Amino acid sequence: MIRHLLVAALFFSALFGIGGCSGEVTVDQKFVNLFVELRIVENTYGKDSPTARLLRHETLKAAGYTSEEFLAKTDEILNDERQWVPFQKAVNARIDSLLQQPAPSPEKEEERKGKAPTPPIKKKPPLMPAHKGGVP
């Protein structure tokens, strides 16, 4: 009896060891970049404009996806909470990285310190005739 329990315990430990239940889901960064780029196109040009349609097609083609493949992979991620949460975190990180201002380079910072601040540009009013029709 003990022998059977020992064999069963070894079997289950091997089963869990091979299955790898680490719980970590890796995110396809290429797909995240594609997803964000398509959303940028959609927000910039609208959903139904011809320009948006062309840019979406070109973007998908450059990434190696068809519309159907992209939608199928998106649905797969949407329907699996284990994939969805890490995917959304990666999308948010990508958007945040695009919104960050680049840090000024040390050379430009030194140049800026040595120069006087530039005065604001004064806009001249347009020259208008003194009377209607341009006749004085």
C-alpha atoms as a PDB file:
ATOM      1  CA  MET A   1       0.000   0.000   0.000  1.00  0.00           C
ATOM      2  CA  ILE A   2       2.773   2.459   0.915  1.00  0.00           C
ATOM      3  CA  ARG A   3       4.546   1.530  -2.265  1.00  0.00           C
ATOM      4  CA  HIS A   4       1.456   2.530  -4.326  1.00  0.00           C
ATOM      5  CA  LEU A   5       1.222   5.863  -2.496  1.00  0.00           C
ATOM      6  CA  LEU A   6       4.905   6.516  -3.132  1.00  0.00           C
ATOM      7  CA  VAL A   7       4.502   5.740  -6.838  1.00  0.00           C
ATOM      8  CA  ALA A   8       1.421   7.985  -7.026  1.00  0.00           C
ATOM      9  CA  ALA A   9       3.248  10.814  -5.227  1.00  0.00           C
ATOM     10  CA  LEU A  10       6.193  10.555  -7.624  1.00  0.00           C
ATOM     11  CA  PHE A  11       3.830  10.461 -10.594  1.00  0.00           C
ATOM     12  CA  PHE A  12       2.002  13.635  -9.529  1.00  0.00           C
ATOM     13  CA  SER A  13       5.192  15.486  -8.646  1.00  0.00           C
ATOM     14  CA  ALA A  14       6.626  14.599 -12.061  1.00  0.00           C
ATOM     15  CA  LEU A  15       3.374  15.631 -13.731  1.00  0.00           C
ATOM     16  CA  PHE A  16       3.412  19.064 -12.078  1.00  0.00           C
ATOM     17  CA  GLY A  17       7.136  19.450 -12.691  1.00  0.00           C
ATOM     18  CA  ILE A  18       6.782  18.793 -16.404  1.00  0.00           C
ATOM     19  CA  GLY A  19       3.641  20.914 -16.746  1.00  0.00           C
ATOM     20  CA  GLY A  20       5.389  23.944 -15.356  1.00  0.00           C
ATOM     21  CA  CYS A  21       2.814  25.769 -13.307  1.00  0.00           C
ATOM     22  CA  SER A  22       4.759  28.975 -12.833  1.00  0.00           C
ATOM     23  CA  GLY A  23       1.693  31.006 -13.800  1.00  0.00           C
ATOM     24  CA  GLU A  24       3.701  33.581 -15.733  1.00  0.00           C
ATOM     25  CA  VAL A  25       2.431  34.576 -19.134  1.00  0.00           C
ATOM     26  CA  THR A  26       4.820  36.092 -21.624  1.00  0.00           C
ATOM     27  CA  VAL A  27       3.550  38.933 -23.750  1.00  0.00           C
ATOM     28  CA  ASP A  28       4.401  39.196 -27.439  1.00  0.00           C
ATOM     29  CA  GLN A  29       5.915  42.689 -27.567  1.00  0.00           C
ATOM     30  CA  LYS A  30       5.650  42.748 -31.368  1.00  0.00           C
ATOM     31  CA  PHE A  31       1.890  42.238 -31.067  1.00  0.00           C
ATOM     32  CA  VAL A  32       1.663  44.883 -28.325  1.00  0.00           C
ATOM     33  CA  ASN A  33       3.440  47.392 -30.596  1.00  0.00           C
ATOM     34  CA  LEU A  34       1.107  46.507 -33.461  1.00  0.00           C
ATOM     35  CA  PHE A  35      -1.974  46.865 -31.244  1.00  0.00           C
ATOM     36  CA  VAL A  36      -0.866  50.302 -30.004  1.00  0.00           C
ATOM     37  CA  GLU A  37       0.055  51.488 -33.496  1.00  0.00           C
ATOM     38  CA  LEU A  38      -3.349  50.456 -34.845  1.00  0.00           C
ATOM     39  CA  ARG A  39      -5.089  52.316 -32.014  1.00  0.00           C
ATOM     40  CA  ILE A  40      -3.037  55.421 -32.774  1.00  0.00           C
ATOM     41  CA  VAL A  41      -4.056  55.227 -36.430  1.00  0.00           C
ATOM     42  CA  GLU A  42      -7.692  54.773 -35.415  1.00  0.00           C
ATOM     43  CA  ASN A  43      -7.614  57.724 -33.005  1.00  0.00           C
ATOM     44  CA  THR A  44      -5.793  59.946 -35.485  1.00  0.00           C
ATOM     45  CA  TYR A  45      -7.815  59.266 -38.630  1.00  0.00           C
ATOM     46  CA  GLY A  46     -11.060  57.796 -37.294  1.00  0.00           C
ATOM     47  CA  LYS A  47     -12.420  54.303 -37.719  1.00  0.00           C
ATOM     48  CA  ASP A  48     -14.058  54.639 -41.115  1.00  0.00           C
ATOM     49  CA  SER A  49     -11.849  57.008 -43.109  1.00  0.00           C
ATOM     50  CA  PRO A  50     -10.106  55.697 -46.228  1.00  0.00           C
ATOM     51  CA  THR A  51      -6.750  56.911 -44.900  1.00  0.00           C
ATOM     52  CA  ALA A  52      -7.201  54.924 -41.692  1.00  0.00           C
ATOM     53  CA  ARG A  53      -8.190  51.840 -43.675  1.00  0.00           C
ATOM     54  CA  LEU A  54      -5.059  52.091 -45.840  1.00  0.00           C
ATOM     55  CA  LEU A  55      -2.766  52.707 -42.877  1.00  0.00           C
ATOM     56  CA  ARG A  56      -4.272  49.803 -40.931  1.00  0.00           C
ATOM     57  CA  HIS A  57      -3.736  47.507 -43.899  1.00  0.00           C
ATOM     58  CA  GLU A  58      -0.123  48.656 -44.354  1.00  0.00           C
ATOM     59  CA  THR A  59       0.612  48.369 -40.635  1.00  0.00           C
ATOM     60  CA  LEU A  60      -0.792  44.849 -40.439  1.00  0.00           C
ATOM     61  CA  LYS A  61       1.116  43.831 -43.565  1.00  0.00           C
ATOM     62  CA  ALA A  62       4.391  45.231 -42.186  1.00  0.00           C
ATOM     63  CA  ALA A  63       3.897  43.244 -38.972  1.00  0.00           C
ATOM     64  CA  GLY A  64       3.093  40.049 -40.895  1.00  0.00           C
ATOM     65  CA  TYR A  65      -0.589  39.805 -39.966  1.00  0.00           C
ATOM     66  CA  THR A  66      -3.809  39.714 -41.917  1.00  0.00           C
ATOM     67  CA  SER A  67      -6.900  41.384 -40.492  1.00  0.00           C
ATOM     68  CA  GLU A  68      -8.366  37.987 -39.665  1.00  0.00           C
ATOM     69  CA  GLU A  69      -5.200  36.805 -37.885  1.00  0.00           C
ATOM     70  CA  PHE A  70      -5.004  40.025 -35.881  1.00  0.00           C
ATOM     71  CA  LEU A  71      -8.648  39.802 -34.814  1.00  0.00           C
ATOM     72  CA  ALA A  72      -8.293  36.110 -33.931  1.00  0.00           C
ATOM     73  CA  LYS A  73      -5.251  36.776 -31.747  1.00  0.00           C
ATOM     74  CA  THR A  74      -6.978  39.756 -30.106  1.00  0.00           C
ATOM     75  CA  ASP A  75     -10.043  37.606 -29.349  1.00  0.00           C
ATOM     76  CA  GLU A  76      -7.811  34.882 -27.919  1.00  0.00           C
ATOM     77  CA  ILE A  77      -6.205  37.413 -25.552  1.00  0.00           C
ATOM     78  CA  LEU A  78      -9.553  38.998 -24.645  1.00  0.00           C
ATOM     79  CA  ASN A  79     -11.074  35.651 -23.739  1.00  0.00           C
ATOM     80  CA  ASP A  80      -8.215  34.566 -21.454  1.00  0.00           C
ATOM     81  CA  GLU A  81      -7.817  36.623 -18.287  1.00  0.00           C
ATOM     82  CA  ARG A  82      -4.349  35.174 -17.681  1.00  0.00           C
ATOM     83  CA  GLN A  83      -3.220  36.718 -20.990  1.00  0.00           C
ATOM     84  CA  TRP A  84      -5.390  39.845 -20.872  1.00  0.00           C
ATOM     85  CA  VAL A  85      -4.008  41.445 -17.710  1.00  0.00           C
ATOM     86  CA  PRO A  86      -0.307  41.188 -18.709  1.00  0.00           C
ATOM     87  CA  PHE A  87      -1.209  42.305 -22.232  1.00  0.00           C
ATOM     88  CA  GLN A  88      -2.973  45.420 -20.919  1.00  0.00           C
ATOM     89  CA  LYS A  89      -0.025  46.202 -18.654  1.00  0.00           C
ATOM     90  CA  ALA A  90       2.324  45.918 -21.637  1.00  0.00           C
ATOM     91  CA  VAL A  91       0.038  48.145 -23.749  1.00  0.00           C
ATOM     92  CA  ASN A  92      -0.051  50.767 -20.988  1.00  0.00           C
ATOM     93  CA  ALA A  93       3.732  50.645 -20.641  1.00  0.00           C
ATOM     94  CA  ARG A  94       4.119  51.076 -24.410  1.00  0.00           C
ATOM     95  CA  ILE A  95       1.762  54.065 -24.463  1.00  0.00           C
ATOM     96  CA  ASP A  96       3.562  55.609 -21.501  1.00  0.00           C
ATOM     97  CA  SER A  97       6.897  55.176 -23.253  1.00  0.00           C
ATOM     98  CA  LEU A  98       5.543  56.977 -26.311  1.00  0.00           C
ATOM     99  CA  LEU A  99       4.228  59.859 -24.207  1.00  0.00           C
ATOM    100  CA  GLN A 100       7.473  60.446 -22.299  1.00  0.00           C
ATOM    101  CA  GLN A 101       9.488  63.497 -23.232  1.00  0.00           C
ATOM    102  CA  PRO A 102      13.040  62.598 -24.229  1.00  0.00           C
ATOM    103  CA  ALA A 103      15.642  63.685 -21.716  1.00  0.00           C
ATOM    104  CA  PRO A 104      17.774  66.585 -22.965  1.00  0.00           C
ATOM    105  CA  SER A 105      21.253  65.591 -23.993  1.00  0.00           C
ATOM    106  CA  PRO A 106      24.129  67.040 -21.907  1.00  0.00           C
ATOM    107  CA  GLU A 107      25.525  68.923 -24.917  1.00  0.00           C
ATOM    108  CA  LYS A 108      22.254  70.720 -25.590  1.00  0.00           C
ATOM    109  CA  GLU A 109      21.830  71.499 -21.892  1.00  0.00           C
ATOM    110  CA  GLU A 110      25.258  73.201 -21.832  1.00  0.00           C
ATOM    111  CA  GLU A 111      24.448  75.157 -24.994  1.00  0.00           C
ATOM    112  CA  ARG A 112      21.184  76.315 -23.491  1.00  0.00           C
ATOM    113  CA  LYS A 113      22.877  77.460 -20.279  1.00  0.00           C
ATOM    114  CA  GLY A 114      25.429  79.576 -22.162  1.00  0.00           C
ATOM    115  CA  LYS A 115      22.919  81.434 -24.328  1.00  0.00           C
ATOM    116  CA  ALA A 116      20.587  84.215 -23.363  1.00  0.00           C
ATOM    117  CA  PRO A 117      16.904  83.319 -23.448  1.00  0.00           C
ATOM    118  CA  THR A 118      15.286  84.076 -26.755  1.00  0.00           C
ATOM    119  CA  PRO A 119      12.792  86.931 -26.597  1.00  0.00           C
ATOM    120  CA  PRO A 120       9.213  86.158 -27.597  1.00  0.00           C
ATOM    121  CA  ILE A 121       8.372  86.816 -31.217  1.00  0.00           C
ATOM    122  CA  LYS A 122       6.159  89.845 -31.686  1.00  0.00           C
ATOM    123  CA  LYS A 123       3.599  89.450 -34.400  1.00  0.00           C
ATOM    124  CA  LYS A 124       3.051  92.532 -36.522  1.00  0.00           C
ATOM    125  CA  PRO A 125      -0.549  93.504 -37.190  1.00  0.00           C
ATOM    126  CA  PRO A 126      -1.590  93.145 -40.823  1.00  0.00           C
ATOM    127  CA  LEU A 127      -1.446  96.316 -42.899  1.00  0.00           C
ATOM    128  CA  MET A 128      -4.963  97.493 -43.486  1.00  0.00           C
ATOM    129  CA  PRO A 129      -6.041 100.325 -45.734  1.00  0.00           C
ATOM    130  CA  ALA A 130      -7.218 103.479 -43.973  1.00  0.00           C
ATOM    131  CA  HIS A 131     -10.583 103.369 -45.762  1.00  0.00           C
ATOM    132  CA  LYS A 132     -12.781 100.720 -47.235  1.00  0.00           C
ATOM    133  CA  GLY A 133     -11.677  99.704 -50.694  1.00  0.00           C
ATOM    134  CA  GLY A 134      -8.115 100.888 -50.142  1.00  0.00           C
ATOM    135  CA  VAL A 135      -8.798 104.441 -51.259  1.00  0.00           C
ATOM    136  CA  PRO A 136      -7.819 107.187 -48.772  1.00  0.00           C
END
